[in-house]
C-alpha atoms as a PDB file:
ATOM      1  CA  MET A   1     154.066 -39.016 -46.808  1.00  0.00           C
ATOM      2  CA  LYS A   2     151.741 -36.062 -46.449  1.00  0.00           C
ATOM      3  CA  PHE A   3     150.030 -35.111 -43.202  1.00  0.00           C
ATOM      4  CA  LEU A   4     146.352 -34.203 -43.206  1.00  0.00           C
ATOM      5  CA  THR A   5     145.436 -30.718 -42.038  1.00  0.00           C
ATOM      6  CA  PHE A   6     142.201 -31.719 -40.300  1.00  0.00           C
ATOM      7  CA  ALA A   7     143.687 -31.776 -36.798  1.00  0.00           C
ATOM      8  CA  LEU A   8     145.137 -28.304 -37.191  1.00  0.00           C
ATOM      9  CA  THR A   9     141.858 -26.915 -38.524  1.00  0.00           C
ATOM     10  CA  VAL A  10     139.856 -28.278 -35.600  1.00  0.00           C
ATOM     11  CA  ALA A  11     142.432 -27.106 -33.082  1.00  0.00           C
ATOM     12  CA  SER A  12     142.393 -23.625 -34.559  1.00  0.00           C
ATOM     13  CA  ALA A  13     138.616 -23.504 -34.142  1.00  0.00           C
ATOM     14  CA  PHE A  14     138.858 -24.527 -30.494  1.00  0.00           C
ATOM     15  CA  LYS A  15     141.507 -21.879 -29.883  1.00  0.00           C
ATOM     16  CA  TRP A  16     138.887 -19.161 -30.154  1.00  0.00           C
ATOM     17  CA  LEU A  17     136.445 -20.969 -27.863  1.00  0.00           C
ATOM     18  CA  ALA A  18     138.736 -22.053 -25.047  1.00  0.00           C
ATOM     19  CA  PRO A  19     141.161 -20.426 -22.595  1.00  0.00           C
ATOM     20  CA  ILE A  20     144.726 -20.096 -23.825  1.00  0.00           C
ATOM     21  CA  SER A  21     145.948 -22.490 -21.111  1.00  0.00           C
ATOM     22  CA  VAL A  22     144.559 -25.500 -22.975  1.00  0.00           C
ATOM     23  CA  GLU A  23     146.630 -24.945 -26.112  1.00  0.00           C
ATOM     24  CA  ALA A  24     149.109 -27.743 -26.670  1.00  0.00           C
ATOM     25  CA  HIS A  25     152.797 -27.037 -26.845  1.00  0.00           C
ATOM     26  CA  SER A  26     156.023 -28.951 -27.158  1.00  0.00           C
ATOM     27  CA  TRP A  27     159.275 -28.843 -29.069  1.00  0.00           C
ATOM     28  CA  LEU A  28     162.482 -30.788 -29.500  1.00  0.00           C
ATOM     29  CA  VAL A  29     165.137 -30.007 -26.894  1.00  0.00           C
ATOM     30  CA  GLU A  30     167.692 -32.817 -27.502  1.00  0.00           C
ATOM     31  CA  PRO A  31     169.596 -32.820 -29.824  1.00  0.00           C
ATOM     32  CA  VAL A  32     169.955 -29.048 -29.565  1.00  0.00           C
ATOM     33  CA  SER A  33     167.067 -27.561 -31.487  1.00  0.00           C
ATOM     34  CA  ARG A  34     166.843 -24.407 -33.572  1.00  0.00           C
ATOM     35  CA  ASP A  35     163.616 -23.710 -31.704  1.00  0.00           C
ATOM     36  CA  ILE A  36     163.054 -22.556 -28.133  1.00  0.00           C
ATOM     37  CA  ASP A  37     159.274 -22.505 -28.233  1.00  0.00           C
ATOM     38  CA  PRO A  38     156.435 -24.473 -29.848  1.00  0.00           C
ATOM     39  CA  ARG A  39     155.727 -24.074 -33.553  1.00  0.00           C
ATOM     40  CA  THR A  40     152.734 -25.584 -35.339  1.00  0.00           C
ATOM     41  CA  THR A  41     152.555 -26.850 -38.906  1.00  0.00           C
ATOM     42  CA  ASP A  42     149.820 -27.665 -41.389  1.00  0.00           C
ATOM     43  CA  GLY A  43     152.209 -29.941 -43.261  1.00  0.00           C
ATOM     44  CA  THR A  44     153.683 -27.175 -45.426  1.00  0.00           C
ATOM     45  CA  ILE A  45     156.546 -26.140 -43.123  1.00  0.00           C
ATOM     46  CA  GLY A  46     159.951 -27.781 -43.262  1.00  0.00           C
ATOM     47  CA  CYS A  47     161.675 -25.930 -40.420  1.00  0.00           C
ATOM     48  CA  PRO A  48     159.980 -23.031 -38.600  1.00  0.00           C
ATOM     49  CA  ASN A  49     163.388 -21.453 -38.044  1.00  0.00           C
ATOM     50  CA  THR A  50     165.367 -21.424 -41.285  1.00  0.00           C
ATOM     51  CA  THR A  51     168.578 -20.161 -39.663  1.00  0.00           C
ATOM     52  CA  PRO A  52     171.047 -23.008 -38.964  1.00  0.00           C
ATOM     53  CA  GLY A  53     171.905 -23.527 -35.316  1.00  0.00           C
ATOM     54  CA  SER A  54     174.622 -25.336 -33.382  1.00  0.00           C
ATOM     55  CA  SER A  55     175.381 -28.686 -34.966  1.00  0.00           C
ATOM     56  CA  THR A  56     175.819 -31.940 -33.042  1.00  0.00           C
ATOM     57  CA  SER A  57     178.055 -34.643 -34.532  1.00  0.00           C
ATOM     58  CA  PHE A  58     177.016 -38.286 -34.760  1.00  0.00           C
ATOM     59  CA  SER A  59     178.113 -41.449 -36.527  1.00  0.00           C
ATOM     60  CA  PRO A  60     175.880 -43.039 -39.177  1.00  0.00           C
ATOM     61  CA  GLY A  61     173.608 -45.614 -37.563  1.00  0.00           C
ATOM     62  CA  GLU A  62     174.270 -44.234 -34.082  1.00  0.00           C
ATOM     63  CA  ILE A  63     171.601 -44.645 -31.405  1.00  0.00           C
ATOM     64  CA  ILE A  64     171.027 -41.169 -29.995  1.00  0.00           C
ATOM     65  CA  ASP A  65     169.052 -39.705 -27.096  1.00  0.00           C
ATOM     66  CA  VAL A  66     166.086 -37.498 -27.965  1.00  0.00           C
ATOM     67  CA  ARG A  67     163.935 -35.379 -25.639  1.00  0.00           C
ATOM     68  CA  TYR A  68     160.936 -33.055 -25.912  1.00  0.00           C
ATOM     69  CA  TRP A  69     158.391 -31.676 -23.402  1.00  0.00           C
ATOM     70  CA  ARG A  70     155.328 -33.646 -22.304  1.00  0.00           C
ATOM     71  CA  ASN A  71     153.309 -30.677 -20.991  1.00  0.00           C
ATOM     72  CA  ASN A  72     150.213 -32.598 -19.894  1.00  0.00           C
ATOM     73  CA  HIS A  73     149.335 -33.928 -23.343  1.00  0.00           C
ATOM     74  CA  LEU A  74     148.552 -37.586 -23.884  1.00  0.00           C
ATOM     75  CA  GLY A  75     149.488 -40.073 -26.588  1.00  0.00           C
ATOM     76  CA  GLY A  76     150.353 -39.312 -30.178  1.00  0.00           C
ATOM     77  CA  PHE A  77     153.382 -40.116 -32.283  1.00  0.00           C
ATOM     78  CA  ILE A  78     156.683 -38.566 -33.350  1.00  0.00           C
ATOM     79  CA  ARG A  79     157.876 -38.601 -36.953  1.00  0.00           C
ATOM     80  CA  TRP A  80     161.629 -38.291 -37.501  1.00  0.00           C
ATOM     81  CA  SER A  81     163.149 -37.182 -40.790  1.00  0.00           C
ATOM     82  CA  LEU A  82     166.702 -36.337 -41.863  1.00  0.00           C
ATOM     83  CA  SER A  83     167.389 -34.168 -44.899  1.00  0.00           C
ATOM     84  CA  PRO A  84     170.631 -32.668 -46.240  1.00  0.00           C
ATOM     85  CA  ALA A  85     171.316 -29.146 -44.997  1.00  0.00           C
ATOM     86  CA  GLY A  86     169.882 -26.683 -47.478  1.00  0.00           C
ATOM     87  CA  SER A  87     167.168 -29.120 -48.595  1.00  0.00           C
ATOM     88  CA  GLU A  88     164.657 -28.272 -45.907  1.00  0.00           C
ATOM     89  CA  THR A  89     161.243 -27.938 -47.524  1.00  0.00           C
ATOM     90  CA  ALA A  90     158.288 -29.924 -46.228  1.00  0.00           C
ATOM     91  CA  SER A  91     158.509 -32.227 -49.252  1.00  0.00           C
ATOM     92  CA  ASP A  92     162.238 -32.793 -48.633  1.00  0.00           C
ATOM     93  CA  PHE A  93     161.471 -34.022 -45.134  1.00  0.00           C
ATOM     94  CA  ASP A  94     158.470 -36.045 -46.335  1.00  0.00           C
ATOM     95  CA  ASP A  95     160.834 -37.892 -48.682  1.00  0.00           C
ATOM     96  CA  ASN A  96     163.403 -38.596 -45.960  1.00  0.00           C
ATOM     97  CA  VAL A  97     161.380 -40.007 -43.062  1.00  0.00           C
ATOM     98  CA  PHE A  98     163.347 -42.770 -41.334  1.00  0.00           C
ATOM     99  CA  PHE A  99     161.802 -43.360 -37.891  1.00  0.00           C
ATOM    100  CA  TYR A 100     158.521 -43.215 -35.945  1.00  0.00           C
ATOM    101  CA  THR A 101     158.103 -43.456 -32.179  1.00  0.00           C
ATOM    102  CA  CYS A 102     155.294 -43.117 -29.655  1.00  0.00           C
ATOM    103  CA  ARG A 103     155.296 -39.661 -28.075  1.00  0.00           C
ATOM    104  CA  GLU A 104     154.990 -40.721 -24.410  1.00  0.00           C
ATOM    105  CA  SER A 105     158.110 -42.883 -24.524  1.00  0.00           C
ATOM    106  CA  GLY A 106     161.237 -42.789 -22.423  1.00  0.00           C
ATOM    107  CA  PRO A 107     162.237 -43.219 -18.768  1.00  0.00           C
ATOM    108  CA  ASP A 108     161.470 -39.623 -17.758  1.00  0.00           C
ATOM    109  CA  CYS A 109     158.033 -39.386 -19.389  1.00  0.00           C
ATOM    110  CA  VAL A 110     156.039 -39.921 -16.192  1.00  0.00           C
ATOM    111  CA  PRO A 111     153.946 -37.546 -14.040  1.00  0.00           C
ATOM    112  CA  ALA A 112     155.744 -35.989 -11.091  1.00  0.00           C
ATOM    113  CA  ASP A 113     153.329 -37.700  -8.684  1.00  0.00           C
ATOM    114  CA  GLY A 114     153.917 -41.121 -10.267  1.00  0.00           C
ATOM    115  CA  SER A 115     150.284 -41.599 -11.292  1.00  0.00           C
ATOM    116  CA  PRO A 116     149.808 -44.679 -13.517  1.00  0.00           C
ATOM    117  CA  SER A 117     146.574 -43.322 -15.018  1.00  0.00           C
ATOM    118  CA  ARG A 118     146.588 -43.083 -18.794  1.00  0.00           C
ATOM    119  CA  TYR A 119     144.962 -39.656 -18.387  1.00  0.00           C
ATOM    120  CA  ALA A 120     147.456 -38.278 -15.844  1.00  0.00           C
ATOM    121  CA  GLY A 121     148.852 -34.784 -16.275  1.00  0.00           C
ATOM    122  CA  ASP A 122     152.381 -33.766 -15.335  1.00  0.00           C
ATOM    123  CA  SER A 123     151.566 -32.758 -11.728  1.00  0.00           C
ATOM    124  CA  SER A 124     154.269 -30.189 -12.358  1.00  0.00           C
ATOM    125  CA  SER A 125     154.810 -26.866 -14.092  1.00  0.00           C
ATOM    126  CA  ASP A 126     155.276 -26.624 -17.853  1.00  0.00           C
ATOM    127  CA  ASN A 127     158.521 -27.664 -19.534  1.00  0.00           C
ATOM    128  CA  THR A 128     159.713 -29.839 -16.648  1.00  0.00           C
ATOM    129  CA  ILE A 129     158.675 -33.390 -17.656  1.00  0.00           C
ATOM    130  CA  SER A 130     160.463 -34.638 -20.769  1.00  0.00           C
ATOM    131  CA  CYS A 131     159.526 -37.475 -23.091  1.00  0.00           C
ATOM    132  CA  GLY A 132     161.654 -39.295 -25.611  1.00  0.00           C
ATOM    133  CA  ASP A 133     164.041 -42.206 -25.445  1.00  0.00           C
ATOM    134  CA  THR A 134     166.371 -43.112 -28.311  1.00  0.00           C
ATOM    135  CA  ILE A 135     166.233 -43.268 -32.089  1.00  0.00           C
ATOM    136  CA  THR A 136     168.622 -44.881 -34.561  1.00  0.00           C
ATOM    137  CA  LEU A 137     170.056 -42.569 -37.182  1.00  0.00           C
ATOM    138  CA  PRO A 138     170.223 -43.751 -40.812  1.00  0.00           C
ATOM    139  CA  ASP A 139     173.308 -45.776 -41.731  1.00  0.00           C
ATOM    140  CA  TRP A 140     172.949 -45.303 -45.506  1.00  0.00           C
ATOM    141  CA  LEU A 141     173.638 -41.575 -45.887  1.00  0.00           C
ATOM    142  CA  ASP A 142     176.793 -39.768 -46.992  1.00  0.00           C
ATOM    143  CA  GLU A 143     179.033 -37.894 -44.602  1.00  0.00           C
ATOM    144  CA  GLY A 144     177.979 -34.282 -44.190  1.00  0.00           C
ATOM    145  CA  ASP A 145     175.604 -31.771 -42.645  1.00  0.00           C
ATOM    146  CA  TYR A 146     171.936 -32.642 -42.158  1.00  0.00           C
ATOM    147  CA  VAL A 147     168.807 -31.295 -40.520  1.00  0.00           C
ATOM    148  CA  LEU A 148     166.794 -33.538 -38.198  1.00  0.00           C
ATOM    149  CA  GLN A 149     163.070 -32.778 -38.261  1.00  0.00           C
ATOM    150  CA  TRP A 150     160.773 -33.684 -35.349  1.00  0.00           C
ATOM    151  CA  VAL A 151     157.008 -33.719 -35.946  1.00  0.00           C
ATOM    152  CA  TRP A 152     154.486 -34.521 -33.188  1.00  0.00           C
ATOM    153  CA  PHE A 153     151.106 -35.623 -34.519  1.00  0.00           C
ATOM    154  CA  GLY A 154     148.032 -37.660 -33.641  1.00  0.00           C
ATOM    155  CA  VAL A 155     147.303 -36.234 -30.173  1.00  0.00           C
ATOM    156  CA  GLY A 156     143.664 -36.046 -29.096  1.00  0.00           C
ATOM    157  CA  SER A 157     143.816 -34.721 -25.544  1.00  0.00           C
ATOM    158  CA  SER A 158     144.778 -31.482 -23.827  1.00  0.00           C
ATOM    159  CA  TYR A 159     144.898 -30.729 -20.087  1.00  0.00           C
ATOM    160  CA  GLY A 160     142.216 -33.271 -19.223  1.00  0.00           C
ATOM    161  CA  ASN A 161     140.001 -32.513 -22.217  1.00  0.00           C
ATOM    162  CA  ILE A 162     139.869 -35.995 -23.733  1.00  0.00           C
ATOM    163  CA  GLY A 163     139.319 -36.053 -27.483  1.00  0.00           C
ATOM    164  CA  TRP A 164     140.307 -32.461 -28.174  1.00  0.00           C
ATOM    165  CA  ALA A 165     142.165 -32.395 -31.469  1.00  0.00           C
ATOM    166  CA  GLU A 166     145.616 -30.828 -31.366  1.00  0.00           C
ATOM    167  CA  PRO A 167     147.760 -29.324 -34.122  1.00  0.00           C
ATOM    168  CA  GLN A 168     150.955 -30.868 -35.386  1.00  0.00           C
ATOM    169  CA  PHE A 169     154.138 -29.427 -33.916  1.00  0.00           C
ATOM    170  CA  VAL A 170     157.511 -29.239 -35.653  1.00  0.00           C
ATOM    171  CA  SER A 171     161.124 -28.541 -34.644  1.00  0.00           C
ATOM    172  CA  CYS A 172     164.475 -28.908 -36.376  1.00  0.00           C
ATOM    173  CA  ALA A 173     167.992 -29.644 -35.140  1.00  0.00           C
ATOM    174  CA  ASP A 174     171.262 -29.398 -37.059  1.00  0.00           C
ATOM    175  CA  ILE A 175     173.484 -32.471 -37.017  1.00  0.00           C
ATOM    176  CA  THR A 176     176.632 -33.669 -38.778  1.00  0.00           C
ATOM    177  CA  LEU A 177     177.255 -37.254 -39.852  1.00  0.00           C
ATOM    178  CA  THR A 178     180.981 -37.804 -39.390  1.00  0.00           C
ATOM    179  CA  ALA A 179     181.315 -40.649 -41.907  1.00  0.00           C
ATOM    180  CA  THR A 180     179.513 -42.240 -44.833  1.00  0.00           C
ATOM    181  CA  GLY A 181     177.214 -45.076 -43.862  1.00  0.00           C
ATOM    182  CA  SER A 182     177.592 -48.597 -45.204  1.00  0.00           C
ATOM    183  CA  GLY A 183     173.974 -49.747 -44.960  1.00  0.00           C
ATOM    184  CA  SER A 184     171.111 -49.827 -47.436  1.00  0.00           C
ATOM    185  CA  GLU A 185     168.003 -47.683 -47.192  1.00  0.00           C
ATOM    186  CA  PRO A 186     164.987 -49.763 -46.092  1.00  0.00           C
ATOM    187  CA  THR A 187     161.739 -49.816 -48.028  1.00  0.00           C
ATOM    188  CA  CYS A 188     159.792 -48.327 -45.112  1.00  0.00           C
ATOM    189  CA  PRO A 189     160.741 -46.209 -42.086  1.00  0.00           C
ATOM    190  CA  THR A 190     161.264 -47.982 -38.765  1.00  0.00           C
ATOM    191  CA  PHE A 191     158.492 -47.825 -36.164  1.00  0.00           C
ATOM    192  CA  VAL A 192     159.288 -48.495 -32.496  1.00  0.00           C
ATOM    193  CA  GLY A 193     156.131 -48.828 -30.411  1.00  0.00           C
ATOM    194  CA  GLY A 194     155.465 -48.709 -26.704  1.00  0.00           C
ATOM    195  CA  ASP A 195     154.843 -45.780 -24.401  1.00  0.00           C
ATOM    196  CA  ARG A 196     153.967 -44.891 -20.807  1.00  0.00           C
ATOM    197  CA  VAL A 197     150.447 -46.314 -21.073  1.00  0.00           C
ATOM    198  CA  THR A 198     151.332 -49.586 -22.800  1.00  0.00           C
ATOM    199  CA  LYS A 199     153.966 -50.250 -20.138  1.00  0.00           C
ATOM    200  CA  ASN A 200     151.689 -49.379 -17.207  1.00  0.00           C
ATOM    201  CA  GLU A 201     148.848 -51.498 -18.585  1.00  0.00           C
ATOM    202  CA  ASP A 202     151.016 -54.335 -19.951  1.00  0.00           C
ATOM    203  CA  LEU A 203     149.673 -53.880 -23.483  1.00  0.00           C
ATOM    204  CA  GLY A 204     152.847 -54.675 -25.405  1.00  0.00           C
ATOM    205  CA  ASP A 205     154.592 -52.456 -27.925  1.00  0.00           C
ATOM    206  CA  ASP A 206     152.363 -53.036 -30.972  1.00  0.00           C
END
């Protein structure tokens, strides 16, 4: 699945017209990421940092915790992909997508002041409010070393500027599957809906 570059193009144009403080930013922090700052992608980047980092071990099919920074940005989605270590091009990850989630998911993804508004900021400094809940790792892959790719896309708001297009952000984390899975690969990736807004406004998870 290929991402369109329109959002990145528009965001780049706004960058030159607006103060730097409105630029979006987030990255994967759990599992341990190769990245310690935000990196954008136009859909041609596999991992911004090509140097392997510390690897975290998991079982095939394990439900794992994931976290990334909210940083005042609203909505959007996260694409999760898992590719064998060493096969880390954008097309490798495009071919190995297994999970999608809503970006503003998870128990900690709420403003510091508890505001239920769908447009609420963090009411806190940057990199203090985390989003993310759990994802289920594939149970059909062989034992071995893999790279988990996190891509944030589809956000249209930044620091109160509703409708501002944002670029796609990408991070990678090194993981090890400790056994060979016994499942079968599904036809389509799993999507788990529901986020802060749907819960506050009782909109369901679809």
